[in-house]
C-alpha atoms as a PDB file:
ATOM      1  CA  MET A   1      50.440  41.156 -22.192  1.00  0.00           C
ATOM      2  CA  ARG A   2      46.796  40.598 -23.300  1.00  0.00           C
ATOM      3  CA  PHE A   3      47.902  37.479 -25.144  1.00  0.00           C
ATOM      4  CA  VAL A   4      49.544  36.070 -22.007  1.00  0.00           C
ATOM      5  CA  LEU A   5      46.488  36.885 -19.879  1.00  0.00           C
ATOM      6  CA  GLY A   6      44.264  35.188 -22.461  1.00  0.00           C
ATOM      7  CA  ILE A   7      46.365  32.032 -22.373  1.00  0.00           C
ATOM      8  CA  LEU A   8      46.438  32.008 -18.569  1.00  0.00           C
ATOM      9  CA  THR A   9      42.661  32.482 -18.389  1.00  0.00           C
ATOM     10  CA  ALA A  10      42.042  29.702 -20.914  1.00  0.00           C
ATOM     11  CA  LEU A  11      44.380  27.393 -18.988  1.00  0.00           C
ATOM     12  CA  ALA A  12      42.613  28.224 -15.714  1.00  0.00           C
ATOM     13  CA  VAL A  13      39.232  27.436 -17.270  1.00  0.00           C
ATOM     14  CA  LEU A  14      40.517  24.114 -18.631  1.00  0.00           C
ATOM     15  CA  LEU A  15      41.953  23.195 -15.229  1.00  0.00           C
ATOM     16  CA  GLY A  16      38.721  24.156 -13.486  1.00  0.00           C
ATOM     17  CA  VAL A  17      40.105  26.913 -11.284  1.00  0.00           C
ATOM     18  CA  PRO A  18      37.131  28.106  -9.161  1.00  0.00           C
ATOM     19  CA  GLY A  19      35.658  31.442 -10.165  1.00  0.00           C
ATOM     20  CA  ILE A  20      37.370  31.551 -13.565  1.00  0.00           C
ATOM     21  CA  ALA A  21      34.857  29.480 -15.517  1.00  0.00           C
ATOM     22  CA  SER A  22      32.021  31.815 -14.544  1.00  0.00           C
ATOM     23  CA  ALA A  23      34.039  34.765 -15.817  1.00  0.00           C
ATOM     24  CA  ALA A  24      34.156  33.347 -19.364  1.00  0.00           C
ATOM     25  CA  PRO A  25      32.096  35.478 -21.776  1.00  0.00           C
ATOM     26  CA  ARG A  26      28.686  34.170 -22.829  1.00  0.00           C
ATOM     27  CA  ASP A  27      27.367  34.077 -26.346  1.00  0.00           C
ATOM     28  CA  VAL A  28      25.154  37.143 -26.461  1.00  0.00           C
ATOM     29  CA  HIS A  29      23.252  38.010 -29.626  1.00  0.00           C
ATOM     30  CA  VAL A  30      23.274  41.806 -30.032  1.00  0.00           C
ATOM     31  CA  VAL A  31      20.205  43.361 -31.646  1.00  0.00           C
ATOM     32  CA  THR A  32      20.810  46.967 -32.668  1.00  0.00           C
ATOM     33  CA  TYR A  33      17.902  49.377 -32.779  1.00  0.00           C
ATOM     34  CA  ASP A  34      17.372  52.831 -34.236  1.00  0.00           C
ATOM     35  CA  ALA A  35      14.799  54.849 -32.297  1.00  0.00           C
ATOM     36  CA  GLY A  36      15.757  58.119 -33.966  1.00  0.00           C
ATOM     37  CA  ARG A  37      12.359  58.375 -35.653  1.00  0.00           C
ATOM     38  CA  SER A  38      10.291  57.277 -32.664  1.00  0.00           C
ATOM     39  CA  ALA A  39       9.562  60.934 -31.741  1.00  0.00           C
ATOM     40  CA  GLU A  40       8.101  61.330 -28.251  1.00  0.00           C
ATOM     41  CA  PHE A  41       8.444  57.592 -27.637  1.00  0.00           C
ATOM     42  CA  ARG A  42      12.268  57.544 -27.634  1.00  0.00           C
ATOM     43  CA  GLN A  43      12.606  57.258 -23.855  1.00  0.00           C
ATOM     44  CA  ALA A  44       9.960  54.516 -23.671  1.00  0.00           C
ATOM     45  CA  VAL A  45      11.737  52.552 -26.426  1.00  0.00           C
ATOM     46  CA  ASP A  46      15.043  52.834 -24.571  1.00  0.00           C
ATOM     47  CA  GLN A  47      13.306  51.726 -21.353  1.00  0.00           C
ATOM     48  CA  GLY A  48      11.643  48.785 -23.134  1.00  0.00           C
ATOM     49  CA  ALA A  49      15.006  47.690 -24.522  1.00  0.00           C
ATOM     50  CA  GLN A  50      16.585  47.974 -21.065  1.00  0.00           C
ATOM     51  CA  ILE A  51      13.801  45.883 -19.532  1.00  0.00           C
ATOM     52  CA  TRP A  52      14.620  43.076 -21.982  1.00  0.00           C
ATOM     53  CA  ASN A  53      18.350  43.513 -21.340  1.00  0.00           C
ATOM     54  CA  ASP A  54      17.715  43.142 -17.598  1.00  0.00           C
ATOM     55  CA  SER A  55      15.506  40.082 -18.165  1.00  0.00           C
ATOM     56  CA  VAL A  56      17.326  37.831 -20.653  1.00  0.00           C
ATOM     57  CA  LYS A  57      20.909  36.633 -20.809  1.00  0.00           C
ATOM     58  CA  ASN A  58      21.609  35.597 -24.390  1.00  0.00           C
ATOM     59  CA  VAL A  59      20.300  38.590 -26.311  1.00  0.00           C
ATOM     60  CA  ARG A  60      20.907  42.286 -25.815  1.00  0.00           C
ATOM     61  CA  PHE A  61      19.395  45.408 -27.383  1.00  0.00           C
ATOM     62  CA  GLU A  62      21.892  48.164 -28.127  1.00  0.00           C
ATOM     63  CA  PRO A  63      21.288  51.519 -29.810  1.00  0.00           C
ATOM     64  CA  ALA A  64      22.699  51.605 -33.332  1.00  0.00           C
ATOM     65  CA  ASN A  65      25.614  53.969 -33.754  1.00  0.00           C
ATOM     66  CA  GLY A  66      25.140  55.110 -37.327  1.00  0.00           C
ATOM     67  CA  GLY A  67      24.739  52.793 -40.269  1.00  0.00           C
ATOM     68  CA  SER A  68      21.985  50.236 -40.446  1.00  0.00           C
ATOM     69  CA  ALA A  69      20.134  48.798 -37.470  1.00  0.00           C
ATOM     70  CA  ASP A  70      18.499  45.414 -36.957  1.00  0.00           C
ATOM     71  CA  VAL A  71      15.341  47.124 -35.697  1.00  0.00           C
ATOM     72  CA  VAL A  72      13.904  50.486 -36.738  1.00  0.00           C
ATOM     73  CA  VAL A  73      11.350  52.126 -34.425  1.00  0.00           C
ATOM     74  CA  LEU A  74       8.938  54.675 -35.879  1.00  0.00           C
ATOM     75  CA  ALA A  75       6.109  56.803 -34.474  1.00  0.00           C
ATOM     76  CA  ASP A  76       2.740  57.208 -36.148  1.00  0.00           C
ATOM     77  CA  ASP A  77      -0.892  57.974 -35.349  1.00  0.00           C
ATOM     78  CA  GLY A  78      -2.157  54.395 -35.744  1.00  0.00           C
ATOM     79  CA  TRP A  79      -2.216  51.425 -33.396  1.00  0.00           C
ATOM     80  CA  PRO A  80       1.172  49.982 -32.283  1.00  0.00           C
ATOM     81  CA  ARG A  81       2.421  47.131 -34.469  1.00  0.00           C
ATOM     82  CA  THR A  82       5.541  45.222 -35.396  1.00  0.00           C
ATOM     83  CA  GLN A  83       6.822  43.728 -38.623  1.00  0.00           C
ATOM     84  CA  PRO A  84       9.473  41.137 -37.718  1.00  0.00           C
ATOM     85  CA  ASP A  85      11.621  40.260 -40.730  1.00  0.00           C
ATOM     86  CA  ASP A  86      13.443  37.507 -38.838  1.00  0.00           C
ATOM     87  CA  LEU A  87      14.448  36.833 -35.254  1.00  0.00           C
ATOM     88  CA  GLY A  88      15.965  40.056 -33.919  1.00  0.00           C
ATOM     89  CA  LYS A  89      15.153  42.072 -37.043  1.00  0.00           C
ATOM     90  CA  GLY A  90      12.234  44.206 -38.158  1.00  0.00           C
ATOM     91  CA  THR A  91      10.241  47.408 -37.776  1.00  0.00           C
ATOM     92  CA  VAL A  92       8.220  48.654 -34.798  1.00  0.00           C
ATOM     93  CA  TRP A  93       5.584  51.368 -35.003  1.00  0.00           C
ATOM     94  CA  MET A  94       4.813  53.121 -31.716  1.00  0.00           C
ATOM     95  CA  GLY A  95       1.226  54.120 -32.443  1.00  0.00           C
ATOM     96  CA  ARG A  96      -0.302  57.107 -30.728  1.00  0.00           C
ATOM     97  CA  GLU A  97      -3.811  55.633 -30.848  1.00  0.00           C
ATOM     98  CA  ALA A  98      -3.111  53.227 -27.962  1.00  0.00           C
ATOM     99  CA  VAL A  99      -1.389  55.964 -25.960  1.00  0.00           C
ATOM    100  CA  ASN A 100      -4.363  58.257 -26.499  1.00  0.00           C
ATOM    101  CA  GLU A 101      -6.556  55.471 -25.079  1.00  0.00           C
ATOM    102  CA  GLY A 102      -4.411  55.401 -21.936  1.00  0.00           C
ATOM    103  CA  HIS A 103      -2.078  52.456 -22.555  1.00  0.00           C
ATOM    104  CA  ASP A 104       1.361  52.683 -20.936  1.00  0.00           C
ATOM    105  CA  VAL A 105       4.090  53.676 -23.427  1.00  0.00           C
ATOM    106  CA  THR A 106       6.847  51.624 -21.782  1.00  0.00           C
ATOM    107  CA  ARG A 107       4.631  48.534 -21.776  1.00  0.00           C
ATOM    108  CA  ILE A 108       3.851  49.143 -25.458  1.00  0.00           C
ATOM    109  CA  ALA A 109       7.554  49.444 -26.312  1.00  0.00           C
ATOM    110  CA  ALA A 110       8.559  46.321 -24.352  1.00  0.00           C
ATOM    111  CA  HIS A 111       5.617  44.388 -25.851  1.00  0.00           C
ATOM    112  CA  GLU A 112       6.470  45.354 -29.435  1.00  0.00           C
ATOM    113  CA  LEU A 113      10.156  44.542 -28.870  1.00  0.00           C
ATOM    114  CA  GLY A 114       8.954  41.164 -27.595  1.00  0.00           C
ATOM    115  CA  HIS A 115       7.656  40.461 -31.112  1.00  0.00           C
ATOM    116  CA  ILE A 116      11.130  41.239 -32.463  1.00  0.00           C
ATOM    117  CA  LEU A 117      12.435  38.614 -30.029  1.00  0.00           C
ATOM    118  CA  GLY A 118      10.037  36.045 -31.450  1.00  0.00           C
ATOM    119  CA  LEU A 119       7.105  36.227 -29.043  1.00  0.00           C
ATOM    120  CA  PRO A 120       3.519  36.113 -30.319  1.00  0.00           C
ATOM    121  CA  ASP A 121       0.561  37.969 -28.849  1.00  0.00           C
ATOM    122  CA  HIS A 122      -1.056  36.079 -25.987  1.00  0.00           C
ATOM    123  CA  ARG A 123      -4.339  37.880 -25.416  1.00  0.00           C
ATOM    124  CA  THR A 124      -5.282  36.528 -22.004  1.00  0.00           C
ATOM    125  CA  GLY A 125      -6.137  39.833 -20.358  1.00  0.00           C
ATOM    126  CA  ASP A 126      -3.548  39.007 -17.674  1.00  0.00           C
ATOM    127  CA  CYS A 127      -1.475  42.078 -16.806  1.00  0.00           C
ATOM    128  CA  ALA A 128       1.345  39.811 -15.544  1.00  0.00           C
ATOM    129  CA  GLU A 129       1.881  38.671 -19.148  1.00  0.00           C
ATOM    130  CA  LEU A 130       3.678  41.329 -21.183  1.00  0.00           C
ATOM    131  CA  MET A 131       2.526  39.736 -24.432  1.00  0.00           C
ATOM    132  CA  SER A 132      -1.129  39.986 -23.382  1.00  0.00           C
ATOM    133  CA  GLY A 133      -0.813  43.501 -24.772  1.00  0.00           C
ATOM    134  CA  ALA A 134      -3.912  45.666 -24.885  1.00  0.00           C
ATOM    135  CA  SER A 135      -6.130  42.809 -23.686  1.00  0.00           C
ATOM    136  CA  ALA A 136      -4.931  43.628 -20.141  1.00  0.00           C
ATOM    137  CA  GLY A 137      -6.521  47.072 -20.471  1.00  0.00           C
ATOM    138  CA  PRO A 138      -5.162  50.585 -20.156  1.00  0.00           C
ATOM    139  CA  SER A 139      -4.811  50.333 -16.365  1.00  0.00           C
ATOM    140  CA  CYS A 140      -2.064  47.707 -16.787  1.00  0.00           C
ATOM    141  CA  LYS A 141       1.375  49.273 -16.359  1.00  0.00           C
ATOM    142  CA  ASN A 142       3.476  46.072 -16.208  1.00  0.00           C
ATOM    143  CA  ALA A 143       6.266  46.337 -18.773  1.00  0.00           C
ATOM    144  CA  LYS A 144       8.268  43.293 -17.639  1.00  0.00           C
ATOM    145  CA  PRO A 145       8.135  39.849 -19.234  1.00  0.00           C
ATOM    146  CA  ASN A 146       7.136  36.932 -17.037  1.00  0.00           C
ATOM    147  CA  ALA A 147       9.206  33.769 -16.523  1.00  0.00           C
ATOM    148  CA  GLN A 148       7.601  31.931 -19.473  1.00  0.00           C
ATOM    149  CA  GLU A 149       8.201  34.835 -21.853  1.00  0.00           C
ATOM    150  CA  ILE A 150      11.821  35.118 -20.709  1.00  0.00           C
ATOM    151  CA  ALA A 151      12.343  31.376 -21.167  1.00  0.00           C
ATOM    152  CA  GLN A 152      10.876  31.479 -24.683  1.00  0.00           C
ATOM    153  CA  VAL A 153      13.168  34.332 -25.761  1.00  0.00           C
ATOM    154  CA  GLU A 154      16.178  32.521 -24.282  1.00  0.00           C
ATOM    155  CA  GLN A 155      15.158  29.380 -26.188  1.00  0.00           C
ATOM    156  CA  ASN A 156      14.589  31.316 -29.426  1.00  0.00           C
ATOM    157  CA  PHE A 157      18.089  32.773 -29.384  1.00  0.00           C
ATOM    158  CA  ALA A 158      19.800  29.635 -28.079  1.00  0.00           C
ATOM    159  CA  GLY A 159      18.289  27.554 -30.854  1.00  0.00           C
ATOM    160  CA  GLY A 160      18.610  29.985 -33.734  1.00  0.00           C
ATOM    161  CA  ALA A 161      14.852  30.169 -34.283  1.00  0.00           C
ATOM    162  CA  ARG A 162      13.643  31.693 -37.540  1.00  0.00           C
ATOM    163  CA  LEU A 163      10.631  33.965 -37.965  1.00  0.00           C
ATOM    164  CA  GLN A 164       8.487  34.324 -41.016  1.00  0.00           C
ATOM    165  CA  PRO A 165       8.065  37.970 -42.067  1.00  0.00           C
ATOM    166  CA  ARG A 166       4.599  39.145 -41.022  1.00  0.00           C
ATOM    167  CA  LEU A 167       2.806  42.151 -39.617  1.00  0.00           C
ATOM    168  CA  VAL A 168       1.775  41.778 -35.974  1.00  0.00           C
ATOM    169  CA  ARG A 169      -1.110  44.079 -35.158  1.00  0.00           C
ATOM    170  CA  GLU A 170      -2.635  44.444 -31.745  1.00  0.00           C
ATOM    171  CA  VAL A 171      -6.407  44.317 -31.911  1.00  0.00           C
ATOM    172  CA  ALA A 172      -7.825  47.536 -30.509  1.00  0.00           C
ATOM    173  CA  LEU A 173     -10.304  46.705 -27.768  1.00  0.00           C
ATOM    174  CA  ARG A 174     -13.287  48.999 -27.777  1.00  0.00           C
END
């Protein structure tokens, strides 16, 4: 039965039957993450991943179900940072130092996951830019990417962008 439905759907798409073409699945790159060692930041990491899932169409964060994950999220007492190994792969450290200075944990998580998606820091001080990071100050609670950041992530994953392994550290503003 599934085989017959598949053939009928494919035929409908080829013939241009209205409403069927939009139902065809999109190519979505799944990035698995393991937040099991993110301690008190687990909920913020899940929220940051969901924010990206709600914002972009061709990439999706999903919790890893055992085995290895594309992204490992850890907690430590330092400043938040990310080590992308490639597009959609790497390590995130949710540092307590920024939280202790008053920075929003969901914004931190979404920002650091943005590095995993290929976005660089953009230290403009503009709270509307997720990748402005700590430069927007601790009063900034915006954890959502803006239109330019969304477009860049979509482009990165549509074009198969590659990242050079590096450590991305936010500069603590004092």
